[in-house]
């Protein structure tokens, strides 16, 4: 899987990585010769690789991080520690901003069944749980609203009725999930609206019905982390 991080405010947009304007790429790849996963973060001038590996003789996980000549090793026995590592990376990027309109956009891409939705929702849940500790200026008795939300690309599937109108409807339905069965321009427009106005309604996807549900997800002004997950980001 791949994840990109960028920051946005209403009527403004820039990339932010550790105080830099360089784009940040986070990638999770499957190794061919064994069964660990590789999590890498790349930038034009630097390369950081995090690899999450499970040994064959135990359920022990090891996360390796290499940046130029520095190598850091983080070890853990559960994949939960990977979630925590992502949360630890995201939270400082959000909490340092004094702009109330600031949002961190996280793009999470990967093939079907890779675990994008599970990863996105679990990271969002943990951010929402930890955020009150970061927002120390608020009364501890006050219930703070969620600051992280997930926007799935599934909501931008073409409707079944639109597939019916294609040249080969049978193939269109059979290959639903291919790039040409999505409406990427609409997703792009939603993200542009979010950038311009700080809030936007986006569709979700009803797997029982097999169609998008319009305006089912509301990204509001209080959301500071927006995780966009899908196959083709």
C-alpha atoms as a PDB file:
ATOM      1  CA  UNK A   1       0.000   0.000   0.000  1.00  0.00           C
ATOM      2  CA  UNK A   2       1.022   3.598  -0.461  1.00  0.00           C
ATOM      3  CA  UNK A   3       0.163   6.643   1.623  1.00  0.00           C
ATOM      4  CA  UNK A   4       0.873  10.270   0.868  1.00  0.00           C
ATOM      5  CA  UNK A   5       0.689  13.106   3.365  1.00  0.00           C
ATOM      6  CA  UNK A   6      -0.157  16.733   2.553  1.00  0.00           C
ATOM      7  CA  UNK A   7      -1.626  19.702   4.369  1.00  0.00           C
ATOM      8  CA  UNK A   8      -4.410  22.024   3.371  1.00  0.00           C
ATOM      9  CA  UNK A   9      -6.272  25.041   4.661  1.00  0.00           C
ATOM     10  CA  UNK A  10      -9.339  26.735   3.266  1.00  0.00           C
ATOM     11  CA  UNK A  11      -8.248  28.536   0.081  1.00  0.00           C
ATOM     12  CA  UNK A  12      -4.695  27.303   0.468  1.00  0.00           C
ATOM     13  CA  UNK A  13      -2.679  24.127  -0.114  1.00  0.00           C
ATOM     14  CA  UNK A  14       0.836  22.888   0.474  1.00  0.00           C
ATOM     15  CA  UNK A  15       2.752  19.721   1.196  1.00  0.00           C
ATOM     16  CA  UNK A  16       4.226  19.266   4.632  1.00  0.00           C
ATOM     17  CA  UNK A  17       6.765  16.676   5.738  1.00  0.00           C
ATOM     18  CA  UNK A  18       8.728  17.157   8.939  1.00  0.00           C
ATOM     19  CA  UNK A  19       8.705  20.917   8.359  1.00  0.00           C
ATOM     20  CA  UNK A  20       9.599  20.453   4.696  1.00  0.00           C
ATOM     21  CA  UNK A  21       7.556  21.178   1.603  1.00  0.00           C
ATOM     22  CA  UNK A  22       8.759  17.966  -0.062  1.00  0.00           C
ATOM     23  CA  UNK A  23       6.054  15.347  -0.639  1.00  0.00           C
ATOM     24  CA  UNK A  24       6.091  12.284   1.575  1.00  0.00           C
ATOM     25  CA  UNK A  25       5.356   8.785   0.309  1.00  0.00           C
ATOM     26  CA  UNK A  26       4.620   5.814   2.510  1.00  0.00           C
ATOM     27  CA  UNK A  27       4.493   2.437   0.825  1.00  0.00           C
ATOM     28  CA  UNK A  28       3.567  -1.032   2.025  1.00  0.00           C
ATOM     29  CA  UNK A  29       4.713  -3.776  -0.352  1.00  0.00           C
ATOM     30  CA  UNK A  30       4.417  -7.545  -0.325  1.00  0.00           C
ATOM     31  CA  UNK A  31       7.715  -9.408  -0.585  1.00  0.00           C
ATOM     32  CA  UNK A  32       7.732 -12.137  -3.227  1.00  0.00           C
ATOM     33  CA  UNK A  33      10.165 -14.572  -1.691  1.00  0.00           C
ATOM     34  CA  UNK A  34       8.716 -14.506   1.826  1.00  0.00           C
ATOM     35  CA  UNK A  35       5.640 -13.297   3.635  1.00  0.00           C
ATOM     36  CA  UNK A  36       6.569 -10.094   5.467  1.00  0.00           C
ATOM     37  CA  UNK A  37       5.266  -6.698   4.481  1.00  0.00           C
ATOM     38  CA  UNK A  38       7.442  -3.719   3.697  1.00  0.00           C
ATOM     39  CA  UNK A  39       6.508  -0.220   4.767  1.00  0.00           C
ATOM     40  CA  UNK A  40       8.583   2.480   3.111  1.00  0.00           C
ATOM     41  CA  UNK A  41       8.588   6.244   3.190  1.00  0.00           C
ATOM     42  CA  UNK A  42      10.276   8.009   0.285  1.00  0.00           C
ATOM     43  CA  UNK A  43      11.058  11.588  -0.598  1.00  0.00           C
ATOM     44  CA  UNK A  44      12.982  13.050  -3.566  1.00  0.00           C
ATOM     45  CA  UNK A  45      16.130  13.684  -1.546  1.00  0.00           C
ATOM     46  CA  UNK A  46      15.838  10.989   1.105  1.00  0.00           C
ATOM     47  CA  UNK A  47      14.637   7.418   1.394  1.00  0.00           C
ATOM     48  CA  UNK A  48      13.259   5.849   4.518  1.00  0.00           C
ATOM     49  CA  UNK A  49      12.235   2.202   4.541  1.00  0.00           C
ATOM     50  CA  UNK A  50      10.160   0.587   7.210  1.00  0.00           C
ATOM     51  CA  UNK A  51       9.746  -3.161   6.858  1.00  0.00           C
ATOM     52  CA  UNK A  52       7.244  -5.115   8.885  1.00  0.00           C
ATOM     53  CA  UNK A  53       8.252  -8.779   8.989  1.00  0.00           C
ATOM     54  CA  UNK A  54       6.858 -11.812  10.750  1.00  0.00           C
ATOM     55  CA  UNK A  55       9.375 -14.578  11.333  1.00  0.00           C
ATOM     56  CA  UNK A  56       8.400 -18.101  10.310  1.00  0.00           C
ATOM     57  CA  UNK A  57       9.108 -19.555  13.733  1.00  0.00           C
ATOM     58  CA  UNK A  58       7.075 -17.048  15.734  1.00  0.00           C
ATOM     59  CA  UNK A  59       4.503 -14.289  15.522  1.00  0.00           C
ATOM     60  CA  UNK A  60       7.122 -11.662  16.243  1.00  0.00           C
ATOM     61  CA  UNK A  61       7.080  -8.526  14.129  1.00  0.00           C
ATOM     62  CA  UNK A  62      10.062  -6.316  13.375  1.00  0.00           C
ATOM     63  CA  UNK A  63       9.857  -2.853  11.831  1.00  0.00           C
ATOM     64  CA  UNK A  64      13.037  -1.576  10.232  1.00  0.00           C
ATOM     65  CA  UNK A  65      13.608   2.067   9.317  1.00  0.00           C
ATOM     66  CA  UNK A  66      16.584   3.183   7.232  1.00  0.00           C
ATOM     67  CA  UNK A  67      17.348   6.783   6.273  1.00  0.00           C
ATOM     68  CA  UNK A  68      20.619   7.406   4.458  1.00  0.00           C
ATOM     69  CA  UNK A  69      23.278   6.156   6.902  1.00  0.00           C
ATOM     70  CA  UNK A  70      21.005   6.000   9.935  1.00  0.00           C
ATOM     71  CA  UNK A  71      19.154   2.781  10.703  1.00  0.00           C
ATOM     72  CA  UNK A  72      16.488   2.536  13.376  1.00  0.00           C
ATOM     73  CA  UNK A  73      14.847  -0.699  14.428  1.00  0.00           C
ATOM     74  CA  UNK A  74      11.456  -0.834  16.125  1.00  0.00           C
ATOM     75  CA  UNK A  75      10.393  -4.286  17.261  1.00  0.00           C
ATOM     76  CA  UNK A  76       7.028  -5.492  18.447  1.00  0.00           C
ATOM     77  CA  UNK A  77       4.963  -8.638  18.721  1.00  0.00           C
ATOM     78  CA  UNK A  78       1.739  -7.150  17.298  1.00  0.00           C
ATOM     79  CA  UNK A  79       0.723  -5.349  14.123  1.00  0.00           C
ATOM     80  CA  UNK A  80      -0.978  -2.813  16.417  1.00  0.00           C
ATOM     81  CA  UNK A  81       2.416  -1.232  16.798  1.00  0.00           C
ATOM     82  CA  UNK A  82       2.333  -0.349  13.114  1.00  0.00           C
ATOM     83  CA  UNK A  83      -0.918   1.534  13.688  1.00  0.00           C
ATOM     84  CA  UNK A  84       0.677   3.345  16.596  1.00  0.00           C
ATOM     85  CA  UNK A  85       3.700   4.265  14.479  1.00  0.00           C
ATOM     86  CA  UNK A  86       1.460   5.879  11.867  1.00  0.00           C
ATOM     87  CA  UNK A  87      -0.516   7.735  14.518  1.00  0.00           C
ATOM     88  CA  UNK A  88       2.722   8.945  16.065  1.00  0.00           C
ATOM     89  CA  UNK A  89       3.764  10.334  12.677  1.00  0.00           C
ATOM     90  CA  UNK A  90       0.428  11.995  11.950  1.00  0.00           C
ATOM     91  CA  UNK A  91      -0.452  13.645  15.273  1.00  0.00           C
ATOM     92  CA  UNK A  92       2.534  16.040  15.466  1.00  0.00           C
ATOM     93  CA  UNK A  93       1.821  17.293  11.944  1.00  0.00           C
ATOM     94  CA  UNK A  94      -1.671  18.259  13.061  1.00  0.00           C
ATOM     95  CA  UNK A  95      -1.053  19.554  16.563  1.00  0.00           C
ATOM     96  CA  UNK A  96       1.707  21.998  15.582  1.00  0.00           C
ATOM     97  CA  UNK A  97      -0.624  24.082  13.431  1.00  0.00           C
ATOM     98  CA  UNK A  98      -2.305  27.082  15.051  1.00  0.00           C
ATOM     99  CA  UNK A  99      -4.563  27.545  12.026  1.00  0.00           C
ATOM    100  CA  UNK A 100      -8.058  26.225  12.882  1.00  0.00           C
ATOM    101  CA  UNK A 101      -8.688  25.534   9.186  1.00  0.00           C
ATOM    102  CA  UNK A 102      -5.613  23.340   8.837  1.00  0.00           C
ATOM    103  CA  UNK A 103      -6.190  19.775   7.638  1.00  0.00           C
ATOM    104  CA  UNK A 104      -3.778  16.934   6.995  1.00  0.00           C
ATOM    105  CA  UNK A 105      -4.783  14.841   3.988  1.00  0.00           C
ATOM    106  CA  UNK A 106      -3.527  11.252   4.049  1.00  0.00           C
ATOM    107  CA  UNK A 107      -3.886   9.262   0.833  1.00  0.00           C
ATOM    108  CA  UNK A 108      -3.840   5.487   1.326  1.00  0.00           C
ATOM    109  CA  UNK A 109      -3.706   3.399  -1.859  1.00  0.00           C
ATOM    110  CA  UNK A 110      -3.486  -0.327  -2.450  1.00  0.00           C
ATOM    111  CA  UNK A 111      -5.066  -3.254  -4.301  1.00  0.00           C
ATOM    112  CA  UNK A 112      -8.407  -4.759  -3.266  1.00  0.00           C
ATOM    113  CA  UNK A 113      -8.150  -6.837  -0.113  1.00  0.00           C
ATOM    114  CA  UNK A 114      -4.874  -5.246   1.004  1.00  0.00           C
ATOM    115  CA  UNK A 115      -6.411  -3.946   4.224  1.00  0.00           C
ATOM    116  CA  UNK A 116      -6.760  -0.265   3.337  1.00  0.00           C
ATOM    117  CA  UNK A 117     -10.108   0.224   5.050  1.00  0.00           C
ATOM    118  CA  UNK A 118      -9.015  -1.622   8.184  1.00  0.00           C
ATOM    119  CA  UNK A 119      -5.817   0.410   8.384  1.00  0.00           C
ATOM    120  CA  UNK A 120      -7.531   3.736   7.660  1.00  0.00           C
ATOM    121  CA  UNK A 121     -10.340   3.287  10.189  1.00  0.00           C
ATOM    122  CA  UNK A 122      -8.061   1.942  12.902  1.00  0.00           C
ATOM    123  CA  UNK A 123      -5.606   4.834  12.519  1.00  0.00           C
ATOM    124  CA  UNK A 124      -8.503   7.317  12.548  1.00  0.00           C
ATOM    125  CA  UNK A 125      -9.952   5.675  15.668  1.00  0.00           C
ATOM    126  CA  UNK A 126      -6.659   5.896  17.508  1.00  0.00           C
ATOM    127  CA  UNK A 127      -6.140   9.524  16.503  1.00  0.00           C
ATOM    128  CA  UNK A 128      -9.608  10.418  17.798  1.00  0.00           C
ATOM    129  CA  UNK A 129      -8.873   8.607  21.033  1.00  0.00           C
ATOM    130  CA  UNK A 130      -5.532  10.357  21.581  1.00  0.00           C
ATOM    131  CA  UNK A 131      -6.496  13.810  20.377  1.00  0.00           C
ATOM    132  CA  UNK A 132      -7.967  15.036  23.708  1.00  0.00           C
ATOM    133  CA  UNK A 133      -4.540  14.499  25.246  1.00  0.00           C
ATOM    134  CA  UNK A 134      -3.016  16.738  22.575  1.00  0.00           C
ATOM    135  CA  UNK A 135      -5.730  19.373  22.900  1.00  0.00           C
ATOM    136  CA  UNK A 136      -4.647  20.209  26.436  1.00  0.00           C
ATOM    137  CA  UNK A 137      -6.141  23.698  26.263  1.00  0.00           C
ATOM    138  CA  UNK A 138      -9.634  22.199  26.453  1.00  0.00           C
ATOM    139  CA  UNK A 139     -11.441  21.278  29.649  1.00  0.00           C
ATOM    140  CA  UNK A 140     -10.802  17.583  30.268  1.00  0.00           C
ATOM    141  CA  UNK A 141     -14.495  17.180  31.081  1.00  0.00           C
ATOM    142  CA  UNK A 142     -15.538  18.411  27.635  1.00  0.00           C
ATOM    143  CA  UNK A 143     -16.176  15.719  25.023  1.00  0.00           C
ATOM    144  CA  UNK A 144     -14.204  16.782  21.968  1.00  0.00           C
ATOM    145  CA  UNK A 145     -15.516  15.991  18.478  1.00  0.00           C
ATOM    146  CA  UNK A 146     -13.662  13.531  16.271  1.00  0.00           C
ATOM    147  CA  UNK A 147     -10.765  15.116  14.423  1.00  0.00           C
ATOM    148  CA  UNK A 148      -9.988  12.211  12.050  1.00  0.00           C
ATOM    149  CA  UNK A 149     -12.301  10.849   9.365  1.00  0.00           C
ATOM    150  CA  UNK A 150     -12.033   8.346   6.520  1.00  0.00           C
ATOM    151  CA  UNK A 151     -13.142   9.101   2.960  1.00  0.00           C
ATOM    152  CA  UNK A 152     -13.314   5.896   0.861  1.00  0.00           C
ATOM    153  CA  UNK A 153     -12.875   5.968  -2.886  1.00  0.00           C
ATOM    154  CA  UNK A 154     -15.563   3.248  -3.023  1.00  0.00           C
ATOM    155  CA  UNK A 155     -18.150   6.003  -2.807  1.00  0.00           C
ATOM    156  CA  UNK A 156     -17.016   7.146  -6.234  1.00  0.00           C
ATOM    157  CA  UNK A 157     -17.915   3.912  -8.006  1.00  0.00           C
ATOM    158  CA  UNK A 158     -20.098   4.429 -11.045  1.00  0.00           C
ATOM    159  CA  UNK A 159     -23.711   3.483 -10.395  1.00  0.00           C
ATOM    160  CA  UNK A 160     -24.955   0.167 -11.706  1.00  0.00           C
ATOM    161  CA  UNK A 161     -27.282   2.136 -13.988  1.00  0.00           C
ATOM    162  CA  UNK A 162     -24.232   3.876 -15.469  1.00  0.00           C
ATOM    163  CA  UNK A 163     -22.566   0.519 -16.075  1.00  0.00           C
ATOM    164  CA  UNK A 164     -25.759  -0.606 -17.829  1.00  0.00           C
ATOM    165  CA  UNK A 165     -25.314   2.211 -20.333  1.00  0.00           C
ATOM    166  CA  UNK A 166     -21.782   1.215 -21.321  1.00  0.00           C
ATOM    167  CA  UNK A 167     -20.935  -0.442 -24.615  1.00  0.00           C
ATOM    168  CA  UNK A 168     -20.525  -3.830 -22.931  1.00  0.00           C
ATOM    169  CA  UNK A 169     -22.651  -3.784 -19.737  1.00  0.00           C
ATOM    170  CA  UNK A 170     -21.918  -7.415 -18.910  1.00  0.00           C
ATOM    171  CA  UNK A 171     -18.181  -6.806 -18.922  1.00  0.00           C
ATOM    172  CA  UNK A 172     -18.621  -3.536 -17.012  1.00  0.00           C
ATOM    173  CA  UNK A 173     -20.447  -5.298 -14.179  1.00  0.00           C
ATOM    174  CA  UNK A 174     -18.047  -8.245 -14.210  1.00  0.00           C
ATOM    175  CA  UNK A 175     -15.029  -5.941 -13.988  1.00  0.00           C
ATOM    176  CA  UNK A 176     -16.492  -3.485 -11.526  1.00  0.00           C
ATOM    177  CA  UNK A 177     -13.611  -2.116  -9.513  1.00  0.00           C
ATOM    178  CA  UNK A 178     -11.403  -1.542 -12.568  1.00  0.00           C
ATOM    179  CA  UNK A 179     -10.190   2.068 -12.953  1.00  0.00           C
ATOM    180  CA  UNK A 180     -12.748   2.888 -15.626  1.00  0.00           C
ATOM    181  CA  UNK A 181     -15.649   1.878 -13.342  1.00  0.00           C
ATOM    182  CA  UNK A 182     -14.892   4.776 -10.982  1.00  0.00           C
ATOM    183  CA  UNK A 183     -15.517   8.504 -11.287  1.00  0.00           C
ATOM    184  CA  UNK A 184     -12.096   9.928 -10.335  1.00  0.00           C
ATOM    185  CA  UNK A 185     -12.933  13.430 -11.549  1.00  0.00           C
ATOM    186  CA  UNK A 186     -15.721  13.642  -9.010  1.00  0.00           C
ATOM    187  CA  UNK A 187     -13.358  12.545  -6.235  1.00  0.00           C
ATOM    188  CA  UNK A 188     -10.892  15.201  -7.345  1.00  0.00           C
ATOM    189  CA  UNK A 189     -13.626  17.828  -7.306  1.00  0.00           C
ATOM    190  CA  UNK A 190     -14.657  16.838  -3.784  1.00  0.00           C
ATOM    191  CA  UNK A 191     -11.071  17.241  -2.591  1.00  0.00           C
ATOM    192  CA  UNK A 192     -10.844  20.613  -4.325  1.00  0.00           C
ATOM    193  CA  UNK A 193     -14.038  21.706  -2.573  1.00  0.00           C
ATOM    194  CA  UNK A 194     -12.557  20.541   0.717  1.00  0.00           C
ATOM    195  CA  UNK A 195      -9.447  22.578   0.028  1.00  0.00           C
ATOM    196  CA  UNK A 196     -11.422  25.678  -0.847  1.00  0.00           C
ATOM    197  CA  UNK A 197     -14.124  25.572   1.817  1.00  0.00           C
ATOM    198  CA  UNK A 198     -12.782  23.375   4.614  1.00  0.00           C
ATOM    199  CA  UNK A 199     -15.804  21.062   4.518  1.00  0.00           C
ATOM    200  CA  UNK A 200     -17.510  18.796   2.000  1.00  0.00           C
ATOM    201  CA  UNK A 201     -20.131  16.077   1.685  1.00  0.00           C
ATOM    202  CA  UNK A 202     -18.865  12.883   0.042  1.00  0.00           C
ATOM    203  CA  UNK A 203     -20.602   9.629  -0.893  1.00  0.00           C
ATOM    204  CA  UNK A 204     -20.104   6.299   0.822  1.00  0.00           C
ATOM    205  CA  UNK A 205     -20.757   2.888  -0.733  1.00  0.00           C
ATOM    206  CA  UNK A 206     -23.506   0.464   0.246  1.00  0.00           C
ATOM    207  CA  UNK A 207     -22.157  -3.016  -0.460  1.00  0.00           C
ATOM    208  CA  UNK A 208     -25.568  -4.527   0.191  1.00  0.00           C
ATOM    209  CA  UNK A 209     -27.211  -2.409  -2.504  1.00  0.00           C
ATOM    210  CA  UNK A 210     -24.118  -2.217  -4.683  1.00  0.00           C
ATOM    211  CA  UNK A 211     -24.259   1.537  -5.242  1.00  0.00           C
ATOM    212  CA  UNK A 212     -22.921   4.754  -3.724  1.00  0.00           C
ATOM    213  CA  UNK A 213     -24.908   6.585  -1.039  1.00  0.00           C
ATOM    214  CA  UNK A 214     -24.893  10.291  -1.802  1.00  0.00           C
ATOM    215  CA  UNK A 215     -23.732  12.824   0.821  1.00  0.00           C
ATOM    216  CA  UNK A 216     -23.373  10.094   3.450  1.00  0.00           C
ATOM    217  CA  UNK A 217     -20.061  11.358   4.870  1.00  0.00           C
ATOM    218  CA  UNK A 218     -19.566  14.934   6.030  1.00  0.00           C
ATOM    219  CA  UNK A 219     -16.033  16.228   6.413  1.00  0.00           C
ATOM    220  CA  UNK A 220     -16.528  19.302   8.564  1.00  0.00           C
ATOM    221  CA  UNK A 221     -14.398  22.206   9.700  1.00  0.00           C
ATOM    222  CA  UNK A 222     -13.430  20.421  12.914  1.00  0.00           C
ATOM    223  CA  UNK A 223     -11.852  17.475  11.149  1.00  0.00           C
ATOM    224  CA  UNK A 224      -8.079  17.881  11.103  1.00  0.00           C
ATOM    225  CA  UNK A 225      -7.059  14.533   9.560  1.00  0.00           C
ATOM    226  CA  UNK A 226      -8.768  13.254   6.413  1.00  0.00           C
ATOM    227  CA  UNK A 227      -7.690   9.757   5.346  1.00  0.00           C
ATOM    228  CA  UNK A 228      -8.650   9.100   1.718  1.00  0.00           C
ATOM    229  CA  UNK A 229      -8.340   5.403   0.909  1.00  0.00           C
ATOM    230  CA  UNK A 230      -8.813   3.637  -2.395  1.00  0.00           C
ATOM    231  CA  UNK A 231      -7.364   1.507  -5.173  1.00  0.00           C
ATOM    232  CA  UNK A 232      -6.165   4.224  -7.513  1.00  0.00           C
ATOM    233  CA  UNK A 233      -5.107   7.333  -5.586  1.00  0.00           C
END
